[in-house]
Amino acid sequence: MNKMKNFKRRFSLSVPRTETIEESLTEFTEQFNQLNNQRNEGEEPWAG
């Protein structure tokens, strides 16, 4: 959970204030999805 908080804080500090909220959210979503995909690639699927 702390990783997500740190990521959000770093992201919010890196976004130029000239961007609209929608642009910022789009960029955040893209970065979050990339981060999540990288994390999931390293995990083995659960056997069910």
Protein backbone atom coordinates (compact mmCIF):
# COMPACT_ATOMS: atom_id res chain seq x y z
CA MET A 1 0.00 0.00 0.00
CA ASN A 2 2.86 2.38 0.74
CA LYS A 3 4.21 1.83 -2.78
CA MET A 4 0.94 3.11 -4.21
CA LYS A 5 0.99 6.18 -1.96
CA ASN A 6 4.58 6.92 -2.95
CA PHE A 7 3.73 6.46 -6.62
CA LYS A 8 0.77 8.83 -6.38
CA ARG A 9 2.86 11.44 -4.58
CA ARG A 10 5.71 11.25 -7.11
CA PHE A 11 3.26 11.37 -9.97
CA SER A 12 1.41 14.38 -8.61
CA LEU A 13 4.69 16.24 -8.17
CA SER A 14 5.80 15.42 -11.72
CA VAL A 15 2.64 16.58 -13.51
CA PRO A 16 2.91 20.11 -14.87
CA ARG A 17 0.12 22.32 -13.55
CA THR A 18 -0.77 23.46 -17.07
CA GLU A 19 -2.38 20.10 -17.82
CA THR A 20 -6.07 19.63 -17.27
CA ILE A 21 -7.33 17.17 -14.69
CA GLU A 22 -8.51 14.87 -17.49
CA GLU A 23 -5.04 14.81 -19.07
CA SER A 24 -3.45 14.15 -15.70
CA LEU A 25 -5.84 11.30 -14.98
CA THR A 26 -5.20 9.78 -18.39
CA GLU A 27 -1.45 9.92 -17.84
CA PHE A 28 -1.81 8.50 -14.33
CA THR A 29 -3.98 5.65 -15.61
CA GLU A 30 -1.44 4.78 -18.31
CA GLN A 31 1.45 4.80 -15.83
CA PHE A 32 -0.53 2.80 -13.27
CA ASN A 33 -1.47 0.18 -15.87
CA GLN A 34 2.15 -0.14 -16.99
CA LEU A 35 3.29 -0.54 -13.39
CA ASN A 36 0.57 -3.09 -12.68
CA ASN A 37 1.37 -5.06 -15.85
CA GLN A 38 5.07 -5.16 -14.96
CA ARG A 39 4.22 -6.44 -11.49
CA ASN A 40 1.83 -9.08 -12.84
CA GLU A 41 4.36 -10.36 -15.38
CA GLY A 42 6.58 -11.45 -12.52
CA GLU A 43 3.88 -13.46 -10.78
CA GLU A 44 2.86 -17.03 -11.41
CA PRO A 45 -0.84 -17.55 -12.10
CA TRP A 46 -2.70 -19.23 -9.26
CA ALA A 47 -3.47 -22.89 -9.82
CA GLY A 48 -7.14 -23.47 -9.38
